[in-house]
Protein backbone atom coordinates (compact mmCIF):
# COMPACT_ATOMS: atom_id res chain seq x y z
CA UNK A 1 0.00 0.00 0.00
CA UNK A 2 2.20 2.82 -1.31
CA UNK A 3 0.47 5.59 0.66
CA UNK A 4 0.26 3.54 3.85
CA UNK A 5 -2.58 1.50 5.28
CA UNK A 6 -5.43 3.51 6.75
CA UNK A 7 -6.88 2.36 10.07
CA UNK A 8 -9.71 -0.10 9.63
CA UNK A 9 -8.61 -1.14 6.13
CA UNK A 10 -7.40 -4.70 5.63
CA UNK A 11 -3.87 -4.86 4.28
CA UNK A 12 -3.81 -5.92 0.63
CA UNK A 13 -0.86 -8.19 1.41
CA UNK A 14 -2.82 -10.46 3.77
CA UNK A 15 -3.82 -13.91 2.56
CA UNK A 16 -7.24 -15.40 3.31
CA UNK A 17 -5.74 -17.06 6.39
CA UNK A 18 -4.24 -13.72 7.60
CA UNK A 19 -0.65 -14.42 6.65
CA UNK A 20 1.59 -11.76 5.13
CA UNK A 21 2.46 -12.32 1.48
CA UNK A 22 5.61 -10.21 1.98
CA UNK A 23 6.91 -11.92 5.13
CA UNK A 24 10.66 -12.42 4.87
CA UNK A 25 10.93 -10.38 1.68
CA UNK A 26 12.99 -7.18 1.42
CA UNK A 27 10.01 -5.20 0.09
CA UNK A 28 8.06 -5.78 3.32
CA UNK A 29 7.48 -2.34 4.91
CA UNK A 30 9.73 -1.41 7.82
CA UNK A 31 6.74 -0.82 10.10
CA UNK A 32 5.71 -4.44 9.52
CA UNK A 33 9.25 -5.76 9.95
CA UNK A 34 9.49 -3.98 13.32
CA UNK A 35 6.11 -5.15 14.59
CA UNK A 36 6.53 -7.49 17.54
CA UNK A 37 3.24 -9.32 18.06
CA UNK A 38 2.34 -10.17 21.63
CA UNK A 39 -0.49 -11.93 23.41
CA UNK A 40 -1.77 -8.49 24.46
CA UNK A 41 -2.10 -7.58 20.76
CA UNK A 42 -3.13 -10.92 19.29
CA UNK A 43 -5.14 -12.59 22.04
CA UNK A 44 -5.64 -16.32 21.63
CA UNK A 45 -7.39 -16.44 18.24
CA UNK A 46 -7.76 -14.57 14.93
CA UNK A 47 -11.18 -13.34 16.05
CA UNK A 48 -9.82 -11.98 19.32
CA UNK A 49 -6.86 -10.35 17.55
CA UNK A 50 -9.14 -8.55 15.11
CA UNK A 51 -11.31 -7.28 17.97
CA UNK A 52 -8.28 -6.00 19.90
CA UNK A 53 -6.74 -4.33 16.85
CA UNK A 54 -10.05 -2.70 15.88
CA UNK A 55 -10.36 -1.31 19.41
CA UNK A 56 -6.81 0.04 19.35
CA UNK A 57 -7.33 1.62 15.93
CA UNK A 58 -10.48 3.32 17.19
CA UNK A 59 -8.78 4.57 20.35
CA UNK A 60 -5.82 6.02 18.44
CA UNK A 61 -7.68 7.41 15.40
CA UNK A 62 -7.76 11.19 14.98
CA UNK A 63 -11.11 12.57 16.07
CA UNK A 64 -12.70 15.95 15.41
CA UNK A 65 -13.31 17.29 18.90
CA UNK A 66 -15.27 20.44 18.09
PDB file of N, CA and C in Angstrom:
ATOM      1  N   UNK A   1       0.857  -1.161   0.000  1.00  0.00           N
ATOM      2  CA  UNK A   1       0.000   0.000   0.000  1.00  0.00           C
ATOM      3  C   UNK A   1       0.911   1.234   0.000  1.00  0.00           C
ATOM      4  N   UNK A   2       1.201   1.751  -1.161  1.00  0.00           N
ATOM      5  CA  UNK A   2       2.201   2.817  -1.315  1.00  0.00           C
ATOM      6  C   UNK A   2       1.985   4.046  -0.442  1.00  0.00           C
ATOM      7  N   UNK A   3       0.740   4.398  -0.161  1.00  0.00           N
ATOM      8  CA  UNK A   3       0.466   5.585   0.661  1.00  0.00           C
ATOM      9  C   UNK A   3       0.235   5.227   2.122  1.00  0.00           C
ATOM     10  N   UNK A   4       0.508   3.998   2.488  1.00  0.00           N
ATOM     11  CA  UNK A   4       0.265   3.543   3.855  1.00  0.00           C
ATOM     12  C   UNK A   4      -1.099   2.881   3.968  1.00  0.00           C
ATOM     13  N   UNK A   5      -1.313   2.180   5.059  1.00  0.00           N
ATOM     14  CA  UNK A   5      -2.582   1.497   5.279  1.00  0.00           C
ATOM     15  C   UNK A   5      -3.414   2.295   6.263  1.00  0.00           C
ATOM     16  N   UNK A   6      -4.560   2.784   5.818  1.00  0.00           N
ATOM     17  CA  UNK A   6      -5.427   3.511   6.746  1.00  0.00           C
ATOM     18  C   UNK A   6      -5.991   2.579   7.819  1.00  0.00           C
ATOM     19  N   UNK A   7      -6.266   3.128   8.987  1.00  0.00           N
ATOM     20  CA  UNK A   7      -6.879   2.356  10.065  1.00  0.00           C
ATOM     21  C   UNK A   7      -8.202   1.775   9.584  1.00  0.00           C
ATOM     22  N   UNK A   8      -8.451   0.544   9.974  1.00  0.00           N
ATOM     23  CA  UNK A   8      -9.710  -0.099   9.625  1.00  0.00           C
ATOM     24  C   UNK A   8      -9.747  -0.727   8.246  1.00  0.00           C
ATOM     25  N   UNK A   9      -8.676  -0.572   7.480  1.00  0.00           N
ATOM     26  CA  UNK A   9      -8.607  -1.138   6.132  1.00  0.00           C
ATOM     27  C   UNK A   9      -7.700  -2.369   6.181  1.00  0.00           C
ATOM     28  N   UNK A  10      -8.194  -3.464   5.659  1.00  0.00           N
ATOM     29  CA  UNK A  10      -7.399  -4.697   5.628  1.00  0.00           C
ATOM     30  C   UNK A  10      -6.213  -4.519   4.686  1.00  0.00           C
ATOM     31  N   UNK A  11      -5.059  -4.951   5.114  1.00  0.00           N
ATOM     32  CA  UNK A  11      -3.866  -4.856   4.277  1.00  0.00           C
ATOM     33  C   UNK A  11      -4.039  -5.721   3.030  1.00  0.00           C
ATOM     34  N   UNK A  12      -3.676  -5.180   1.886  1.00  0.00           N
ATOM     35  CA  UNK A  12      -3.812  -5.919   0.628  1.00  0.00           C
ATOM     36  C   UNK A  12      -2.836  -7.093   0.543  1.00  0.00           C
ATOM     37  N   UNK A  13      -1.847  -7.119   1.435  1.00  0.00           N
ATOM     38  CA  UNK A  13      -0.856  -8.192   1.415  1.00  0.00           C
ATOM     39  C   UNK A  13      -1.230  -9.376   2.309  1.00  0.00           C
ATOM     40  N   UNK A  14      -2.397  -9.336   2.932  1.00  0.00           N
ATOM     41  CA  UNK A  14      -2.821 -10.458   3.774  1.00  0.00           C
ATOM     42  C   UNK A  14      -3.502 -11.526   2.935  1.00  0.00           C
ATOM     43  N   UNK A  15      -3.166 -12.780   3.222  1.00  0.00           N
ATOM     44  CA  UNK A  15      -3.818 -13.906   2.556  1.00  0.00           C
ATOM     45  C   UNK A  15      -5.164 -14.164   3.249  1.00  0.00           C
ATOM     46  N   UNK A  16      -5.951 -15.065   2.711  1.00  0.00           N
ATOM     47  CA  UNK A  16      -7.245 -15.396   3.308  1.00  0.00           C
ATOM     48  C   UNK A  16      -7.108 -15.937   4.728  1.00  0.00           C
ATOM     49  N   UNK A  17      -5.953 -16.548   5.034  1.00  0.00           N
ATOM     50  CA  UNK A  17      -5.742 -17.060   6.391  1.00  0.00           C
ATOM     51  C   UNK A  17      -4.881 -16.106   7.231  1.00  0.00           C
ATOM     52  N   UNK A  18      -4.892 -14.809   6.850  1.00  0.00           N
ATOM     53  CA  UNK A  18      -4.244 -13.721   7.596  1.00  0.00           C
ATOM     54  C   UNK A  18      -2.728 -13.832   7.705  1.00  0.00           C
ATOM     55  N   UNK A  19      -2.113 -14.379   6.691  1.00  0.00           N
ATOM     56  CA  UNK A  19      -0.646 -14.421   6.653  1.00  0.00           C
ATOM     57  C   UNK A  19      -0.153 -13.354   5.674  1.00  0.00           C
ATOM     58  N   UNK A  20       1.031 -12.820   5.967  1.00  0.00           N
ATOM     59  CA  UNK A  20       1.593 -11.760   5.135  1.00  0.00           C
ATOM     60  C   UNK A  20       2.262 -12.347   3.894  1.00  0.00           C
ATOM     61  N   UNK A  21       1.863 -11.859   2.735  1.00  0.00           N
ATOM     62  CA  UNK A  21       2.463 -12.316   1.479  1.00  0.00           C
ATOM     63  C   UNK A  21       3.904 -11.836   1.337  1.00  0.00           C
ATOM     64  N   UNK A  22       4.272 -10.788   2.089  1.00  0.00           N
ATOM     65  CA  UNK A  22       5.614 -10.215   1.975  1.00  0.00           C
ATOM     66  C   UNK A  22       6.550 -10.646   3.093  1.00  0.00           C
ATOM     67  N   UNK A  23       6.084 -11.513   3.998  1.00  0.00           N
ATOM     68  CA  UNK A  23       6.909 -11.917   5.134  1.00  0.00           C
ATOM     69  C   UNK A  23       8.242 -12.488   4.656  1.00  0.00           C
ATOM     70  N   UNK A  24       9.325 -11.960   5.218  1.00  0.00           N
ATOM     71  CA  UNK A  24      10.663 -12.423   4.873  1.00  0.00           C
ATOM     72  C   UNK A  24      11.221 -11.841   3.586  1.00  0.00           C
ATOM     73  N   UNK A  25      10.466 -10.987   2.927  1.00  0.00           N
ATOM     74  CA  UNK A  25      10.934 -10.383   1.678  1.00  0.00           C
ATOM     75  C   UNK A  25      11.428  -8.965   1.943  1.00  0.00           C
ATOM     76  N   UNK A  26      12.427  -8.513   1.179  1.00  0.00           N
ATOM     77  CA  UNK A  26      12.987  -7.177   1.418  1.00  0.00           C
ATOM     78  C   UNK A  26      11.995  -6.039   1.168  1.00  0.00           C
ATOM     79  N   UNK A  27      10.976  -6.264   0.371  1.00  0.00           N
ATOM     80  CA  UNK A  27      10.011  -5.197   0.089  1.00  0.00           C
ATOM     81  C   UNK A  27       8.944  -5.042   1.183  1.00  0.00           C
ATOM     82  N   UNK A  28       9.005  -5.904   2.208  1.00  0.00           N
ATOM     83  CA  UNK A  28       8.062  -5.776   3.324  1.00  0.00           C
ATOM     84  C   UNK A  28       8.325  -4.453   4.031  1.00  0.00           C
ATOM     85  N   UNK A  29       7.281  -3.657   4.286  1.00  0.00           N
ATOM     86  CA  UNK A  29       7.478  -2.340   4.909  1.00  0.00           C
ATOM     87  C   UNK A  29       8.171  -2.440   6.268  1.00  0.00           C
ATOM     88  N   UNK A  30       8.977  -1.443   6.570  1.00  0.00           N
ATOM     89  CA  UNK A  30       9.731  -1.412   7.817  1.00  0.00           C
ATOM     90  C   UNK A  30       8.801  -1.476   9.028  1.00  0.00           C
ATOM     91  N   UNK A  31       7.674  -0.796   8.965  1.00  0.00           N
ATOM     92  CA  UNK A  31       6.743  -0.822  10.100  1.00  0.00           C
ATOM     93  C   UNK A  31       6.287  -2.255  10.382  1.00  0.00           C
ATOM     94  N   UNK A  32       6.113  -3.043   9.354  1.00  0.00           N
ATOM     95  CA  UNK A  32       5.712  -4.442   9.525  1.00  0.00           C
ATOM     96  C   UNK A  32       6.871  -5.289  10.028  1.00  0.00           C
ATOM     97  N   UNK A  33       8.062  -5.027   9.512  1.00  0.00           N
ATOM     98  CA  UNK A  33       9.247  -5.761   9.954  1.00  0.00           C
ATOM     99  C   UNK A  33       9.498  -5.545  11.443  1.00  0.00           C
ATOM    100  N   UNK A  34       9.224  -4.334  11.926  1.00  0.00           N
ATOM    101  CA  UNK A  34       9.492  -3.981  13.317  1.00  0.00           C
ATOM    102  C   UNK A  34       8.366  -4.370  14.268  1.00  0.00           C
ATOM    103  N   UNK A  35       7.237  -4.778  13.750  1.00  0.00           N
ATOM    104  CA  UNK A  35       6.105  -5.149  14.590  1.00  0.00           C
ATOM    105  C   UNK A  35       6.433  -6.415  15.376  1.00  0.00           C
ATOM    106  N   UNK A  36       6.280  -6.352  16.674  1.00  0.00           N
ATOM    107  CA  UNK A  36       6.532  -7.492  17.541  1.00  0.00           C
ATOM    108  C   UNK A  36       5.208  -7.934  18.166  1.00  0.00           C
ATOM    109  N   UNK A  37       4.520  -8.878  17.523  1.00  0.00           N
ATOM    110  CA  UNK A  37       3.240  -9.324  18.061  1.00  0.00           C
ATOM    111  C   UNK A  37       3.389  -9.879  19.470  1.00  0.00           C
ATOM    112  N   UNK A  38       2.355  -9.662  20.263  1.00  0.00           N
ATOM    113  CA  UNK A  38       2.344 -10.167  21.627  1.00  0.00           C
ATOM    114  C   UNK A  38       0.954 -10.705  21.932  1.00  0.00           C
ATOM    115  N   UNK A  39       0.822 -11.420  23.034  1.00  0.00           N
ATOM    116  CA  UNK A  39      -0.493 -11.931  23.414  1.00  0.00           C
ATOM    117  C   UNK A  39      -1.458 -10.774  23.679  1.00  0.00           C
ATOM    118  N   UNK A  40      -0.928  -9.668  24.215  1.00  0.00           N
ATOM    119  CA  UNK A  40      -1.770  -8.486  24.463  1.00  0.00           C
ATOM    120  C   UNK A  40      -2.388  -7.978  23.156  1.00  0.00           C
ATOM    121  N   UNK A  41      -1.644  -8.056  22.068  1.00  0.00           N
ATOM    122  CA  UNK A  41      -2.099  -7.577  20.765  1.00  0.00           C
ATOM    123  C   UNK A  41      -2.928  -8.628  20.035  1.00  0.00           C
ATOM    124  N   UNK A  42      -2.541  -9.877  20.126  1.00  0.00           N
ATOM    125  CA  UNK A  42      -3.129 -10.925  19.292  1.00  0.00           C
ATOM    126  C   UNK A  42      -4.171 -11.788  19.995  1.00  0.00           C
ATOM    127  N   UNK A  43      -4.211 -11.737  21.328  1.00  0.00           N
ATOM    128  CA  UNK A  43      -5.141 -12.592  22.039  1.00  0.00           C
ATOM    129  C   UNK A  43      -4.826 -14.057  21.789  1.00  0.00           C
ATOM    130  N   UNK A  44      -5.868 -14.880  21.798  1.00  0.00           N
ATOM    131  CA  UNK A  44      -5.641 -16.318  21.627  1.00  0.00           C
ATOM    132  C   UNK A  44      -6.283 -16.878  20.365  1.00  0.00           C
ATOM    133  N   UNK A  45      -6.782 -15.984  19.488  1.00  0.00           N
ATOM    134  CA  UNK A  45      -7.395 -16.444  18.237  1.00  0.00           C
ATOM    135  C   UNK A  45      -7.404 -15.298  17.231  1.00  0.00           C
ATOM    136  N   UNK A  46      -7.640 -15.619  15.954  1.00  0.00           N
ATOM    137  CA  UNK A  46      -7.763 -14.575  14.930  1.00  0.00           C
ATOM    138  C   UNK A  46      -8.894 -13.615  15.267  1.00  0.00           C
ATOM    139  N   UNK A  47     -10.003 -14.168  15.727  1.00  0.00           N
ATOM    140  CA  UNK A  47     -11.175 -13.339  16.049  1.00  0.00           C
ATOM    141  C   UNK A  47     -10.854 -12.354  17.176  1.00  0.00           C
ATOM    142  N   UNK A  48     -10.187 -12.854  18.211  1.00  0.00           N
ATOM    143  CA  UNK A  48      -9.820 -11.981  19.324  1.00  0.00           C
ATOM    144  C   UNK A  48      -8.812 -10.922  18.880  1.00  0.00           C
ATOM    145  N   UNK A  49      -7.848 -11.303  18.047  1.00  0.00           N
ATOM    146  CA  UNK A  49      -6.858 -10.347  17.546  1.00  0.00           C
ATOM    147  C   UNK A  49      -7.529  -9.228  16.760  1.00  0.00           C
ATOM    148  N   UNK A  50      -8.467  -9.571  15.904  1.00  0.00           N
ATOM    149  CA  UNK A  50      -9.145  -8.549  15.107  1.00  0.00           C
ATOM    150  C   UNK A  50      -9.947  -7.599  15.994  1.00  0.00           C
ATOM    151  N   UNK A  51     -10.554  -8.124  17.044  1.00  0.00           N
ATOM    152  CA  UNK A  51     -11.313  -7.278  17.972  1.00  0.00           C
ATOM    153  C   UNK A  51     -10.381  -6.325  18.709  1.00  0.00           C
ATOM    154  N   UNK A  52      -9.251  -6.836  19.194  1.00  0.00           N
ATOM    155  CA  UNK A  52      -8.277  -6.004  19.905  1.00  0.00           C
ATOM    156  C   UNK A  52      -7.724  -4.920  18.983  1.00  0.00           C
ATOM    157  N   UNK A  53      -7.315  -5.301  17.784  1.00  0.00           N
ATOM    158  CA  UNK A  53      -6.737  -4.329  16.854  1.00  0.00           C
ATOM    159  C   UNK A  53      -7.741  -3.269  16.428  1.00  0.00           C
ATOM    160  N   UNK A  54      -9.006  -3.668  16.227  1.00  0.00           N
ATOM    161  CA  UNK A  54     -10.050  -2.698  15.876  1.00  0.00           C
ATOM    162  C   UNK A  54     -10.250  -1.702  17.022  1.00  0.00           C
ATOM    163  N   UNK A  55     -10.222  -2.196  18.247  1.00  0.00           N
ATOM    164  CA  UNK A  55     -10.362  -1.312  19.412  1.00  0.00           C
ATOM    165  C   UNK A  55      -9.204  -0.333  19.479  1.00  0.00           C
ATOM    166  N   UNK A  56      -7.977  -0.837  19.307  1.00  0.00           N
ATOM    167  CA  UNK A  56      -6.805   0.036  19.350  1.00  0.00           C
ATOM    168  C   UNK A  56      -6.838   1.077  18.239  1.00  0.00           C
ATOM    169  N   UNK A  57      -7.249   0.662  17.035  1.00  0.00           N
ATOM    170  CA  UNK A  57      -7.331   1.618  15.931  1.00  0.00           C
ATOM    171  C   UNK A  57      -8.333   2.713  16.255  1.00  0.00           C
ATOM    172  N   UNK A  58      -9.463   2.337  16.830  1.00  0.00           N
ATOM    173  CA  UNK A  58     -10.482   3.320  17.188  1.00  0.00           C
ATOM    174  C   UNK A  58      -9.971   4.276  18.266  1.00  0.00           C
ATOM    175  N   UNK A  59      -9.286   3.742  19.259  1.00  0.00           N
ATOM    176  CA  UNK A  59      -8.781   4.573  20.352  1.00  0.00           C
ATOM    177  C   UNK A  59      -7.684   5.540  19.904  1.00  0.00           C
ATOM    178  N   UNK A  60      -6.946   5.185  18.869  1.00  0.00           N
ATOM    179  CA  UNK A  60      -5.819   6.022  18.437  1.00  0.00           C
ATOM    180  C   UNK A  60      -6.112   6.825  17.163  1.00  0.00           C
ATOM    181  N   UNK A  61      -7.312   6.680  16.622  1.00  0.00           N
ATOM    182  CA  UNK A  61      -7.679   7.410  15.398  1.00  0.00           C
ATOM    183  C   UNK A  61      -7.860   8.896  15.720  1.00  0.00           C
ATOM    184  N   UNK A  62      -7.498   9.750  14.774  1.00  0.00           N
ATOM    185  CA  UNK A  62      -7.759  11.189  14.984  1.00  0.00           C
ATOM    186  C   UNK A  62      -9.270  11.425  15.029  1.00  0.00           C
ATOM    187  N   UNK A  63      -9.692  12.259  15.942  1.00  0.00           N
ATOM    188  CA  UNK A  63     -11.111  12.574  16.072  1.00  0.00           C
ATOM    189  C   UNK A  63     -11.284  14.088  16.017  1.00  0.00           C
ATOM    190  N   UNK A  64     -12.362  14.526  15.426  1.00  0.00           N
ATOM    191  CA  UNK A  64     -12.703  15.948  15.414  1.00  0.00           C
ATOM    192  C   UNK A  64     -13.413  16.266  16.724  1.00  0.00           C
ATOM    193  N   UNK A  65     -12.730  16.960  17.592  1.00  0.00           N
ATOM    194  CA  UNK A  65     -13.307  17.295  18.897  1.00  0.00           C
ATOM    195  C   UNK A  65     -13.742  18.758  18.913  1.00  0.00           C
ATOM    196  N   UNK A  66     -14.767  19.054  18.155  1.00  0.00           N
ATOM    197  CA  UNK A  66     -15.267  20.438  18.095  1.00  0.00           C
ATOM    198  C   UNK A  66     -16.475  20.596  18.964  1.00  0.00           C
TER     199      UNK A  66
END
